[in-house]
Amino acid sequence: MHETLTPRENLTFAAGFTLGTPKSDRSKAVQDILSKLKLERCADTVVGTPGLVKGISGGERKRTNVAMSLLGRPSLLLMDEPTSGLDSKMAAELMTDVGEVAKQGCTVIATIHQPSEDVFHKFTKVLLLESGATAYFGPIAGLRQRLVSLGFSPQEHTPLPEMLLDIIEVPEDMVETPAAHMNRLAQLHMQSTASPFTTSGVPVIERAPLQPCHQLAFHDQLRILFFRSFLVLRRNKILTLVRTGQTLLSASVIGWIFSGLDKSLSNVHSRMFCSLLFAMGQFMFALIGVINTFPAERAVFLREAQDRWYNPAAFYLAKVTLDTIMQCFFPLLVTAIGYQLAGLNISEPERPLLFYVISALLANAGSGMGFVVSAAVSNVSTALSMAPAMILPQLMLSGIFIKIHHLPQPFQALSYATVIKYAVQALVNNEFDCEAQPACDTSWKSRGGESCAASPCDVCCTAQELATSGGVCPLLTCQDAIRFLGLDADSIWPAGTTMTSTIHWNILALLILVVVFRLIGLLVLIRVFKRASHSG
């Protein structure tokens, strides 16, 4: 179950998937099942996580789990040790409720672990196995007397379940021979019901004819799953708060460190790295932030999808839709705070807008890669160990540390599948996309120094930089700066005829990679679901 939801909410969502009735009828069905299993008192308390998040008791959790299975009005309910972990009182209450369910026409088959006498007598029949063979199958009523009549002499206060376990083993100190003991076991088996499918001695309950399984349309599945995911996300406020805090802190610190960037030659590289750090932070936060998405809900997903409540693709798309909205929100904070604080290019309103679009796409690409890992593995530890292995190649093949055309094969070819490469190219072109200043003539190549602040050029050399470069400033315009960084149209792919068109082409490349990673995640999740279904 979703442990951040209440029993009523869990049952309401289950009813939405399994009952093809109007909303009012579904609400009534939920209320009926809450009453039947005595869950009304805890109906609006979160299920919780034992030892982590305070919630309902163990017995209430068990009954809620049973209630979710009963909403589809099954004719057969299989339960695997439903009383394990419960005290005798809670176990007896649970089996009493299950007994009431059986009386209403649902056949219940359960394995039971160390049942008390009270719990044991809640059942109608018992099947006892010895080394894989049937030792006894038949009614529980009158079983003690039948054992005594066959010559077994249990102690007076020995519970019947313990008696059954004792008689199928030959004690070392037993007086009679093992053959005689087995003979009496054979007589017990002969006196048991001949077939597990007969109903001798058990009242037959008339059952309604089976109804075809109701399955919602895909868009209805998507709607319910999206709303449930949103509700779960809203309950897990700590995750959203942590991500918001990370974004605000990183944007403020990076903006503070790079604040006061002027147009000197030494700050050309600084502007490039400042833009990259803003976007790279969102990429890593997004990737690591979704690593736990599917491992945390793996059991719930497999249970519901295998019960055909919904299509696995609907589950994935609901998660992706909500995640896309969230990944588009956090870069907005970076643009509003960090971009302005660092003093990046605001010559046109289009510049910060394009910066936001690039950052949002990079965050969604990171999230898409995180979803692939999250869907592929079954535990968070493995997923977290794989995250750095996905981030490092992105940086190495981005063209920052070594130019793309200098990379050996196959790394040069692999670089075209790295999102950081296109983000760097788009961000740098966006930062140095500015109009040429008519007042900036070639005379400023040898000028600067103290008058650098008054220079009309896009790039200016300080006195120290002029001295280092032999009295000639190598850069004056934004076009000079982009060529100096090796990210002009002649050095990168894709590229357009202008800086703005180059930015648009790289944004398109980022968008394509976002879609590709999202689709790979979907295919991985479907493959995991099929493998789990076949192995089950």
Protein backbone atom coordinates (compact mmCIF):
# COMPACT_ATOMS: atom_id res chain seq x y z
CA MET A 1 0.00 0.00 0.00
CA HIS A 2 0.94 3.64 -0.28
CA GLU A 3 2.03 4.31 3.27
CA THR A 4 1.54 8.08 3.03
CA LEU A 5 -2.17 7.63 2.28
CA THR A 6 -4.96 6.75 4.70
CA PRO A 7 -6.94 3.47 4.52
CA ARG A 8 -9.88 5.40 3.08
CA GLU A 9 -7.70 6.98 0.38
CA ASN A 10 -6.04 3.67 -0.48
CA LEU A 11 -9.45 2.03 -0.79
CA THR A 12 -10.90 4.96 -2.76
CA PHE A 13 -8.15 4.76 -5.37
CA ALA A 14 -8.50 0.96 -5.48
CA ALA A 15 -12.24 1.34 -6.03
CA GLY A 16 -11.57 3.79 -8.86
CA PHE A 17 -9.55 1.12 -10.66
CA THR A 18 -11.66 -1.96 -9.90
CA LEU A 19 -15.28 -0.78 -9.78
CA GLY A 20 -16.95 0.47 -12.93
CA THR A 21 -19.66 2.28 -11.00
CA PRO A 22 -20.50 5.96 -10.42
CA LYS A 23 -18.44 7.83 -7.84
CA SER A 24 -21.26 7.76 -5.27
CA ASP A 25 -21.51 3.97 -5.54
CA ARG A 26 -17.75 3.62 -5.17
CA SER A 27 -17.83 5.76 -2.02
CA LYS A 28 -20.56 3.54 -0.61
CA ALA A 29 -18.56 0.41 -1.44
CA VAL A 30 -15.52 1.86 0.33
CA GLN A 31 -17.59 2.74 3.40
CA ASP A 32 -19.13 -0.75 3.46
CA ILE A 33 -15.76 -2.47 3.36
CA LEU A 34 -14.42 -0.14 6.07
CA SER A 35 -17.35 -1.11 8.27
CA LYS A 36 -17.09 -4.81 7.45
CA LEU A 37 -13.42 -4.98 8.46
CA LYS A 38 -13.77 -2.58 11.42
CA LEU A 39 -11.53 0.10 9.92
CA GLU A 40 -13.78 3.10 10.50
CA ARG A 41 -11.83 4.27 13.55
CA CYS A 42 -8.54 4.50 11.63
CA ALA A 43 -10.00 5.28 8.19
CA ASP A 44 -8.50 8.78 8.06
CA THR A 45 -5.13 8.06 9.69
CA VAL A 46 -2.14 7.59 7.39
CA VAL A 47 -1.02 3.97 7.03
CA GLY A 48 2.52 4.95 8.03
CA THR A 49 5.78 3.01 8.07
CA PRO A 50 6.53 0.83 11.11
CA GLY A 51 9.48 2.30 12.99
CA LEU A 52 9.69 5.38 10.73
CA VAL A 53 6.36 7.16 10.33
CA LYS A 54 3.63 6.85 12.93
CA GLY A 55 0.46 5.33 11.48
CA ILE A 56 -2.16 2.68 12.01
CA SER A 57 -1.47 -0.54 13.95
CA GLY A 58 -0.22 -3.79 12.45
CA GLY A 59 -3.64 -5.43 12.62
CA GLU A 60 -5.24 -2.43 10.92
CA ARG A 61 -2.60 -2.57 8.19
CA LYS A 62 -3.41 -6.24 7.58
CA ARG A 63 -7.14 -5.56 7.44
CA THR A 64 -6.61 -2.61 5.08
CA ASN A 65 -4.59 -4.85 2.79
CA VAL A 66 -7.36 -7.45 2.79
CA ALA A 67 -9.96 -4.74 2.19
CA MET A 68 -8.17 -3.57 -0.96
CA SER A 69 -8.36 -7.09 -2.37
CA LEU A 70 -12.02 -7.44 -1.46
CA LEU A 71 -13.12 -4.31 -3.31
CA GLY A 72 -13.13 -6.15 -6.61
CA ARG A 73 -15.62 -8.65 -5.14
CA PRO A 74 -13.39 -11.69 -5.79
CA SER A 75 -14.77 -15.22 -5.60
CA LEU A 76 -11.36 -16.48 -4.39
CA LEU A 77 -8.94 -14.80 -1.97
CA LEU A 78 -5.46 -16.24 -1.30
CA MET A 79 -3.72 -15.09 1.89
CA ASP A 80 -0.14 -15.89 2.83
CA GLU A 81 0.32 -15.95 6.63
CA PRO A 82 -2.05 -13.02 7.33
CA THR A 83 -1.52 -13.24 11.11
CA SER A 84 2.30 -13.13 11.11
CA GLY A 85 3.59 -10.30 13.27
CA LEU A 86 0.28 -9.81 15.07
CA ASP A 87 -0.48 -10.55 18.70
CA SER A 88 -3.13 -13.14 19.54
CA LYS A 89 -5.90 -10.56 19.97
CA MET A 90 -5.26 -8.79 16.65
CA ALA A 91 -4.84 -12.14 14.86
CA ALA A 92 -8.20 -13.36 16.21
CA GLU A 93 -9.92 -10.11 15.21
CA LEU A 94 -8.49 -10.25 11.70
CA MET A 95 -9.53 -13.87 11.13
CA THR A 96 -13.00 -13.14 12.52
CA ASP A 97 -13.36 -10.40 9.90
CA VAL A 98 -12.05 -12.73 7.19
CA GLY A 99 -14.55 -15.36 8.34
CA GLU A 100 -17.36 -12.86 7.85
CA VAL A 101 -16.08 -12.25 4.32
CA ALA A 102 -16.13 -15.99 3.61
CA LYS A 103 -19.72 -16.26 4.83
CA GLN A 104 -20.72 -13.70 2.19
CA GLY A 105 -19.58 -15.91 -0.66
CA CYS A 106 -15.80 -15.48 -1.03
CA THR A 107 -13.68 -18.63 -0.75
CA VAL A 108 -10.64 -17.84 1.41
CA ILE A 109 -7.53 -20.02 1.29
CA ALA A 110 -4.81 -19.08 3.77
CA THR A 111 -1.50 -20.45 4.98
CA ILE A 112 -1.27 -19.93 8.74
CA HIS A 113 1.79 -19.70 10.97
CA GLN A 114 1.55 -20.92 14.59
CA PRO A 115 -2.16 -20.20 14.99
CA SER A 116 -3.76 -20.09 18.42
CA GLU A 117 -6.67 -22.41 19.20
CA ASP A 118 -9.08 -19.52 18.74
CA VAL A 119 -7.65 -18.50 15.35
CA PHE A 120 -7.48 -22.10 14.17
CA HIS A 121 -11.18 -22.65 14.76
CA LYS A 122 -12.06 -19.65 12.58
CA PHE A 123 -11.34 -21.90 9.60
CA THR A 124 -13.76 -24.43 8.18
CA LYS A 125 -11.25 -26.93 6.80
CA VAL A 126 -7.56 -27.64 7.27
CA LEU A 127 -5.04 -29.13 4.85
CA LEU A 128 -2.01 -30.72 6.56
CA LEU A 129 0.98 -31.72 4.44
CA GLU A 130 3.77 -34.11 5.33
CA SER A 131 6.80 -34.20 2.99
CA GLY A 132 4.70 -32.83 0.16
CA ALA A 133 1.91 -35.39 0.57
CA THR A 134 -1.53 -34.85 2.07
CA ALA A 135 -1.64 -36.07 5.66
CA TYR A 136 -5.10 -34.73 6.35
CA PHE A 137 -7.65 -32.62 4.57
CA GLY A 138 -11.05 -32.12 6.05
CA PRO A 139 -13.29 -30.28 8.51
CA ILE A 140 -11.83 -28.89 11.72
CA ALA A 141 -15.03 -29.49 13.69
CA GLY A 142 -14.71 -32.79 15.64
CA LEU A 143 -11.07 -33.25 14.63
CA ARG A 144 -9.80 -33.63 18.22
CA GLN A 145 -12.25 -36.45 18.92
CA ARG A 146 -11.29 -38.16 15.68
CA LEU A 147 -7.62 -38.07 16.64
CA VAL A 148 -8.38 -39.63 20.03
CA SER A 149 -10.47 -42.36 18.38
CA LEU A 150 -7.49 -43.29 16.20
CA GLY A 151 -5.32 -43.88 19.27
CA PHE A 152 -3.44 -40.61 19.51
CA SER A 153 -3.22 -39.53 23.13
CA PRO A 154 -2.55 -35.78 23.24
CA GLN A 155 -2.28 -33.93 26.51
CA GLU A 156 -5.53 -32.42 27.66
CA HIS A 157 -4.56 -28.80 27.23
CA THR A 158 -2.50 -29.21 24.05
CA PRO A 159 -3.82 -26.80 21.37
CA LEU A 160 -5.18 -28.58 18.32
CA PRO A 161 -2.70 -26.97 15.87
CA GLU A 162 0.25 -28.16 17.94
CA MET A 163 -1.33 -31.60 18.20
CA LEU A 164 -1.50 -31.87 14.41
CA LEU A 165 2.14 -30.91 14.05
CA ASP A 166 3.20 -33.39 16.74
CA ILE A 167 1.41 -36.44 15.34
CA ILE A 168 3.01 -36.27 11.89
CA GLU A 169 6.47 -36.71 13.43
CA VAL A 170 7.66 -39.92 15.09
CA PRO A 171 9.13 -39.04 18.52
CA GLU A 172 12.45 -40.73 19.35
CA ASP A 173 11.13 -42.00 22.70
CA MET A 174 7.83 -43.36 21.25
CA VAL A 175 6.96 -46.89 22.40
CA GLU A 176 5.17 -47.99 19.24
CA THR A 177 7.03 -48.69 16.02
CA PRO A 178 7.28 -46.05 13.28
CA ALA A 179 5.27 -48.38 11.04
CA ALA A 180 2.38 -48.44 13.53
CA HIS A 181 2.49 -44.66 13.82
CA MET A 182 2.38 -44.23 10.05
CA ASN A 183 -0.46 -46.69 9.86
CA ARG A 184 -2.54 -44.50 12.14
CA LEU A 185 -1.61 -41.44 10.04
CA ALA A 186 -2.84 -43.34 7.00
CA GLN A 187 -6.12 -44.04 8.78
CA LEU A 188 -6.41 -40.33 9.60
CA HIS A 189 -5.89 -39.48 5.96
CA MET A 190 -8.44 -42.07 4.85
CA GLN A 191 -10.99 -40.56 7.21
CA SER A 192 -10.33 -37.07 5.85
CA THR A 193 -12.25 -35.63 2.94
CA ALA A 194 -11.42 -37.56 -0.20
CA SER A 195 -10.74 -34.50 -2.36
CA PRO A 196 -9.81 -30.91 -1.57
CA PHE A 197 -12.59 -29.84 -3.91
CA THR A 198 -15.47 -31.66 -2.20
CA THR A 199 -17.75 -29.87 0.23
CA SER A 200 -18.85 -32.72 2.49
CA GLY A 201 -19.79 -31.47 5.92
CA VAL A 202 -19.47 -27.83 4.84
CA PRO A 203 -22.51 -25.71 4.04
CA VAL A 204 -22.49 -24.63 0.39
CA ILE A 205 -23.01 -20.89 -0.08
CA GLU A 206 -24.68 -19.72 -3.23
CA ARG A 207 -22.43 -17.29 -5.04
CA ALA A 208 -23.37 -14.69 -7.58
CA PRO A 209 -22.16 -15.41 -11.13
CA LEU A 210 -18.71 -14.04 -11.89
CA GLN A 211 -18.68 -10.58 -13.42
CA PRO A 212 -16.16 -9.64 -16.10
CA CYS A 213 -13.17 -7.71 -14.74
CA HIS A 214 -13.73 -3.98 -15.16
CA GLN A 215 -10.82 -2.06 -16.66
CA LEU A 216 -10.76 1.68 -17.05
CA ALA A 217 -9.93 3.50 -20.26
CA PHE A 218 -6.28 4.50 -20.52
CA HIS A 219 -6.96 8.22 -19.99
CA ASP A 220 -9.00 7.45 -16.85
CA GLN A 221 -6.17 5.30 -15.50
CA LEU A 222 -3.76 8.15 -16.20
CA ARG A 223 -6.01 10.67 -14.45
CA ILE A 224 -6.41 8.59 -11.28
CA LEU A 225 -2.70 7.70 -11.14
CA PHE A 226 -1.68 11.34 -11.64
CA PHE A 227 -3.94 12.51 -8.84
CA ARG A 228 -2.68 9.76 -6.52
CA SER A 229 0.96 10.58 -7.34
CA PHE A 230 0.27 14.25 -6.65
CA LEU A 231 -1.32 13.39 -3.30
CA VAL A 232 1.66 11.18 -2.35
CA LEU A 233 4.08 13.94 -3.37
CA ARG A 234 2.16 16.49 -1.32
CA ARG A 235 2.33 14.21 1.73
CA ASN A 236 6.10 13.77 1.23
CA LYS A 237 6.75 17.48 1.75
CA ILE A 238 10.27 16.87 3.00
CA LEU A 239 11.46 15.79 -0.47
CA THR A 240 10.10 18.92 -2.15
CA LEU A 241 11.47 21.13 0.61
CA VAL A 242 14.93 19.57 0.37
CA ARG A 243 15.03 20.03 -3.41
CA THR A 244 13.82 23.63 -3.06
CA GLY A 245 16.45 24.28 -0.41
CA GLN A 246 19.17 22.76 -2.61
CA THR A 247 18.13 24.91 -5.55
CA LEU A 248 17.94 28.14 -3.58
CA LEU A 249 21.23 27.52 -1.79
CA SER A 250 23.17 26.50 -4.91
CA ALA A 251 21.75 29.41 -6.95
CA SER A 252 22.61 31.90 -4.21
CA VAL A 253 26.13 30.56 -3.59
CA ILE A 254 27.05 30.30 -7.29
CA GLY A 255 25.55 33.70 -8.00
CA TRP A 256 27.41 35.20 -5.02
CA ILE A 257 30.74 33.66 -6.05
CA PHE A 258 30.43 34.93 -9.63
CA SER A 259 28.77 38.25 -8.74
CA GLY A 260 30.38 41.34 -10.20
CA LEU A 261 31.52 39.70 -13.42
CA ASP A 262 32.77 42.45 -15.67
CA LYS A 263 33.63 42.32 -19.37
CA SER A 264 37.35 41.76 -18.88
CA LEU A 265 39.17 39.07 -20.85
CA SER A 266 39.71 36.87 -17.79
CA ASN A 267 35.96 36.68 -17.16
CA VAL A 268 35.14 35.12 -20.54
CA HIS A 269 35.78 31.63 -19.17
CA SER A 270 34.16 32.58 -15.86
CA ARG A 271 30.88 33.43 -17.61
CA MET A 272 30.90 30.08 -19.38
CA PHE A 273 31.52 28.12 -16.17
CA CYS A 274 28.97 30.15 -14.23
CA SER A 275 26.21 29.30 -16.74
CA LEU A 276 27.27 25.66 -16.74
CA LEU A 277 27.30 25.36 -12.93
CA PHE A 278 23.76 26.70 -12.68
CA ALA A 279 22.44 24.19 -15.21
CA MET A 280 24.65 21.30 -14.05
CA GLY A 281 23.34 21.66 -10.52
CA GLN A 282 19.79 21.17 -11.76
CA PHE A 283 20.88 18.15 -13.84
CA MET A 284 22.43 16.37 -10.84
CA PHE A 285 19.67 17.31 -8.39
CA ALA A 286 17.05 15.99 -10.84
CA LEU A 287 18.89 12.73 -11.55
CA ILE A 288 19.55 11.86 -7.91
CA GLY A 289 16.14 13.13 -6.78
CA VAL A 290 14.17 10.55 -8.80
CA ILE A 291 16.45 7.57 -8.14
CA ASN A 292 14.11 6.29 -5.42
CA THR A 293 10.88 6.73 -7.41
CA PHE A 294 10.31 3.17 -8.60
CA PRO A 295 12.19 1.15 -5.92
CA ALA A 296 10.01 2.83 -3.27
CA GLU A 297 6.79 1.86 -5.08
CA ARG A 298 7.95 -1.33 -6.77
CA ALA A 299 5.86 -3.68 -4.61
CA VAL A 300 2.75 -1.51 -4.98
CA PHE A 301 3.23 -1.19 -8.75
CA LEU A 302 3.75 -4.90 -9.31
CA ARG A 303 0.75 -5.84 -7.18
CA GLU A 304 -1.62 -3.41 -8.88
CA ALA A 305 -0.37 -3.88 -12.44
CA GLN A 306 -0.40 -7.68 -12.13
CA ASP A 307 -3.97 -7.42 -10.83
CA ARG A 308 -4.67 -5.48 -14.06
CA TRP A 309 -5.84 -2.37 -12.31
CA TYR A 310 -3.98 -0.31 -14.91
CA ASN A 311 -1.50 -0.47 -17.75
CA PRO A 312 2.18 -0.09 -16.70
CA ALA A 313 2.50 2.67 -19.30
CA ALA A 314 -0.22 4.69 -17.52
CA PHE A 315 1.68 4.37 -14.23
CA TYR A 316 4.89 5.58 -15.87
CA LEU A 317 3.29 8.46 -17.77
CA ALA A 318 1.53 9.71 -14.63
CA LYS A 319 4.87 9.79 -12.81
CA VAL A 320 6.62 11.47 -15.74
CA THR A 321 3.92 14.12 -16.17
CA LEU A 322 4.08 15.15 -12.52
CA ASP A 323 7.87 15.01 -12.51
CA THR A 324 8.10 17.19 -15.65
CA ILE A 325 6.06 19.88 -13.93
CA MET A 326 8.34 19.78 -10.89
CA GLN A 327 11.54 19.81 -12.97
CA CYS A 328 10.31 22.92 -14.80
CA PHE A 329 9.68 24.72 -11.51
CA PHE A 330 13.12 24.57 -9.89
CA PRO A 331 15.09 26.13 -12.82
CA LEU A 332 12.69 29.06 -12.51
CA LEU A 333 14.19 29.76 -9.07
CA VAL A 334 17.71 29.58 -10.48
CA THR A 335 16.87 32.03 -13.24
CA ALA A 336 15.13 34.45 -10.90
CA ILE A 337 17.89 34.45 -8.26
CA GLY A 338 21.22 33.15 -9.54
CA TYR A 339 21.12 34.54 -13.08
CA GLN A 340 20.50 38.08 -11.87
CA LEU A 341 22.93 37.82 -8.96
CA ALA A 342 25.81 36.68 -11.18
CA GLY A 343 25.15 39.47 -13.66
CA LEU A 344 24.84 37.26 -16.72
CA ASN A 345 23.62 38.50 -20.11
CA ILE A 346 20.43 40.56 -19.78
CA SER A 347 20.93 42.68 -22.88
CA GLU A 348 17.61 41.34 -24.17
CA PRO A 349 14.62 39.78 -22.34
CA GLU A 350 15.13 36.72 -24.50
CA ARG A 351 18.47 35.87 -22.83
CA PRO A 352 17.20 34.88 -19.32
CA LEU A 353 14.19 33.18 -20.93
CA LEU A 354 16.39 30.97 -23.09
CA PHE A 355 18.61 30.27 -20.07
CA TYR A 356 15.53 29.02 -18.21
CA VAL A 357 14.42 26.82 -21.12
CA ILE A 358 17.90 25.24 -21.41
CA SER A 359 18.09 24.64 -17.64
CA ALA A 360 14.59 23.12 -17.56
CA LEU A 361 15.40 20.76 -20.43
CA LEU A 362 18.67 19.76 -18.77
CA ALA A 363 16.81 19.05 -15.50
CA ASN A 364 14.27 16.91 -17.36
CA ALA A 365 17.06 15.06 -19.16
CA GLY A 366 18.68 14.31 -15.81
CA SER A 367 15.33 13.17 -14.46
CA GLY A 368 14.83 10.95 -17.53
CA MET A 369 18.19 9.28 -16.94
CA GLY A 370 17.30 8.85 -13.28
CA PHE A 371 14.02 7.19 -14.22
CA VAL A 372 15.88 4.68 -16.42
CA VAL A 373 18.09 3.65 -13.50
CA SER A 374 15.19 3.72 -11.04
CA ALA A 375 13.07 1.44 -13.24
CA ALA A 376 15.92 -0.99 -13.89
CA VAL A 377 16.99 -1.76 -10.31
CA SER A 378 15.03 -2.98 -7.31
CA ASN A 379 16.76 -1.16 -4.45
CA VAL A 380 17.89 2.39 -3.76
CA SER A 381 21.48 1.49 -2.81
CA THR A 382 22.19 0.05 -6.25
CA ALA A 383 20.55 3.01 -7.95
CA LEU A 384 22.59 5.53 -5.94
CA SER A 385 25.83 3.72 -6.74
CA MET A 386 25.03 3.97 -10.47
CA ALA A 387 24.26 7.71 -10.42
CA PRO A 388 27.90 8.98 -10.41
CA ALA A 389 28.71 6.62 -13.27
CA MET A 390 26.06 8.41 -15.35
CA ILE A 391 27.12 11.96 -14.43
CA LEU A 392 30.89 11.70 -15.00
CA PRO A 393 30.76 10.67 -18.70
CA GLN A 394 28.42 13.60 -19.34
CA LEU A 395 31.11 16.01 -18.16
CA MET A 396 34.03 14.22 -19.82
CA LEU A 397 32.36 14.17 -23.24
CA SER A 398 30.81 17.63 -23.09
CA GLY A 399 33.63 19.45 -24.88
CA ILE A 400 34.57 21.55 -21.83
CA PHE A 401 37.82 19.84 -20.89
CA ILE A 402 38.78 18.58 -24.35
CA LYS A 403 37.28 19.62 -27.65
CA ILE A 404 34.93 17.16 -29.29
CA HIS A 405 37.05 16.79 -32.45
CA HIS A 406 40.07 15.90 -30.29
CA LEU A 407 38.28 12.99 -28.61
CA PRO A 408 39.32 9.49 -29.74
CA GLN A 409 36.71 7.13 -31.10
CA PRO A 410 34.29 5.81 -29.96
CA PHE A 411 34.08 8.69 -27.44
CA GLN A 412 33.71 11.29 -30.17
CA ALA A 413 30.61 9.51 -31.46
CA LEU A 414 29.27 8.96 -27.93
CA SER A 415 29.53 12.68 -27.20
CA TYR A 416 26.56 13.33 -29.49
CA ALA A 417 24.34 11.43 -27.04
CA THR A 418 25.39 13.53 -24.01
CA VAL A 419 22.99 16.23 -22.87
CA ILE A 420 25.69 18.38 -21.24
CA LYS A 421 27.34 18.92 -24.64
CA TYR A 422 24.23 20.55 -26.11
CA ALA A 423 23.54 22.45 -22.89
CA VAL A 424 27.06 23.95 -22.90
CA GLN A 425 26.81 24.96 -26.53
CA ALA A 426 23.41 26.57 -26.03
CA LEU A 427 24.29 28.31 -22.75
CA VAL A 428 27.56 29.79 -23.99
CA ASN A 429 26.03 31.03 -27.23
CA ASN A 430 23.18 32.52 -25.21
CA GLU A 431 25.59 34.31 -22.87
CA PHE A 432 27.66 35.81 -25.72
CA ASP A 433 24.82 36.60 -28.08
CA CYS A 434 24.94 40.37 -28.20
CA GLU A 435 24.77 43.10 -30.81
CA ALA A 436 27.95 44.66 -32.14
CA GLN A 437 28.68 48.11 -30.74
CA PRO A 438 29.41 50.71 -33.45
CA ALA A 439 31.69 52.67 -31.12
CA CYS A 440 33.93 49.63 -30.64
CA ASP A 441 36.64 50.00 -33.27
CA THR A 442 40.02 48.36 -33.69
CA SER A 443 41.69 51.13 -31.71
CA TRP A 444 40.40 49.45 -28.53
CA LYS A 445 42.69 46.51 -29.21
CA SER A 446 45.53 48.52 -27.70
CA ARG A 447 43.41 50.45 -25.23
CA GLY A 448 41.87 49.40 -21.98
CA GLY A 449 43.64 49.47 -18.69
CA GLU A 450 42.19 52.16 -16.53
CA SER A 451 39.57 53.04 -19.19
CA CYS A 452 38.33 49.43 -19.51
CA ALA A 453 35.19 50.22 -17.54
CA ALA A 454 34.28 52.86 -20.12
CA SER A 455 35.00 50.61 -23.10
CA PRO A 456 32.08 50.28 -25.54
CA CYS A 457 33.30 46.81 -26.56
CA ASP A 458 31.78 43.56 -25.36
CA VAL A 459 35.19 42.37 -24.09
CA CYS A 460 37.96 44.56 -22.77
CA CYS A 461 41.49 43.93 -21.54
CA THR A 462 42.79 45.27 -18.24
CA ALA A 463 46.27 46.79 -18.02
CA GLN A 464 47.70 43.50 -16.78
CA GLU A 465 45.99 41.56 -19.55
CA LEU A 466 47.29 44.02 -22.16
CA ALA A 467 50.82 43.62 -20.83
CA THR A 468 50.52 39.83 -20.89
CA SER A 469 49.23 39.80 -24.48
CA GLY A 470 51.92 42.12 -25.85
CA GLY A 471 49.86 45.30 -25.72
CA VAL A 472 47.11 43.95 -28.00
CA CYS A 473 43.75 42.78 -26.67
CA PRO A 474 42.84 39.61 -28.61
CA LEU A 475 39.09 39.91 -28.00
CA LEU A 476 36.70 42.77 -28.48
CA THR A 477 33.29 41.40 -29.47
CA CYS A 478 31.00 38.56 -28.43
CA GLN A 479 31.85 36.82 -31.71
CA ASP A 480 35.53 36.96 -30.76
CA ALA A 481 34.71 35.47 -27.35
CA ILE A 482 32.70 32.58 -28.76
CA ARG A 483 35.51 31.74 -31.20
CA PHE A 484 38.03 32.00 -28.35
CA LEU A 485 36.04 29.39 -26.41
CA GLY A 486 35.87 27.11 -29.46
CA LEU A 487 32.07 27.09 -29.50
CA ASP A 488 31.38 29.09 -32.66
CA ALA A 489 29.31 27.73 -35.56
CA ASP A 490 32.44 26.40 -37.33
CA SER A 491 33.48 24.29 -34.32
CA ILE A 492 30.27 22.67 -33.02
CA TRP A 493 27.30 20.63 -34.14
CA PRO A 494 24.44 21.46 -34.49
CA ALA A 495 24.98 25.07 -35.51
CA GLY A 496 22.98 27.70 -37.32
CA THR A 497 23.81 30.78 -39.31
CA THR A 498 23.45 32.99 -36.23
CA MET A 499 24.01 32.52 -32.51
CA THR A 500 20.27 32.57 -31.88
CA SER A 501 19.63 29.83 -34.45
CA THR A 502 22.50 27.80 -32.95
CA ILE A 503 20.81 28.06 -29.55
CA HIS A 504 17.51 26.88 -31.04
CA TRP A 505 19.15 23.88 -32.73
CA ASN A 506 20.81 22.80 -29.49
CA ILE A 507 17.55 23.24 -27.58
CA LEU A 508 15.91 20.95 -30.13
CA ALA A 509 18.69 18.37 -29.60
CA LEU A 510 18.12 18.57 -25.84
CA LEU A 511 14.38 18.10 -26.30
CA ILE A 512 14.94 15.01 -28.46
CA LEU A 513 17.24 13.48 -25.84
CA VAL A 514 14.68 14.20 -23.10
CA VAL A 515 12.03 12.30 -25.08
CA VAL A 516 14.47 9.45 -25.82
CA PHE A 517 15.39 9.01 -22.13
CA ARG A 518 11.72 9.09 -21.13
CA LEU A 519 10.90 6.39 -23.69
CA ILE A 520 13.84 4.23 -22.59
CA GLY A 521 12.58 4.46 -19.01
CA LEU A 522 9.13 3.31 -20.14
CA LEU A 523 10.58 0.34 -22.04
CA VAL A 524 12.74 -0.66 -19.06
CA LEU A 525 9.75 -0.51 -16.68
CA ILE A 526 7.60 -2.62 -19.02
CA ARG A 527 10.41 -5.17 -19.34
CA VAL A 528 10.82 -5.33 -15.54
CA PHE A 529 7.05 -5.79 -15.16
CA LYS A 530 6.94 -8.63 -17.71
CA ARG A 531 9.92 -10.36 -16.14
CA ALA A 532 8.37 -10.12 -12.67
CA SER A 533 5.03 -11.37 -13.98
CA HIS A 534 6.59 -14.37 -15.72
CA SER A 535 8.75 -15.29 -12.75
CA GLY A 536 5.71 -14.97 -10.49
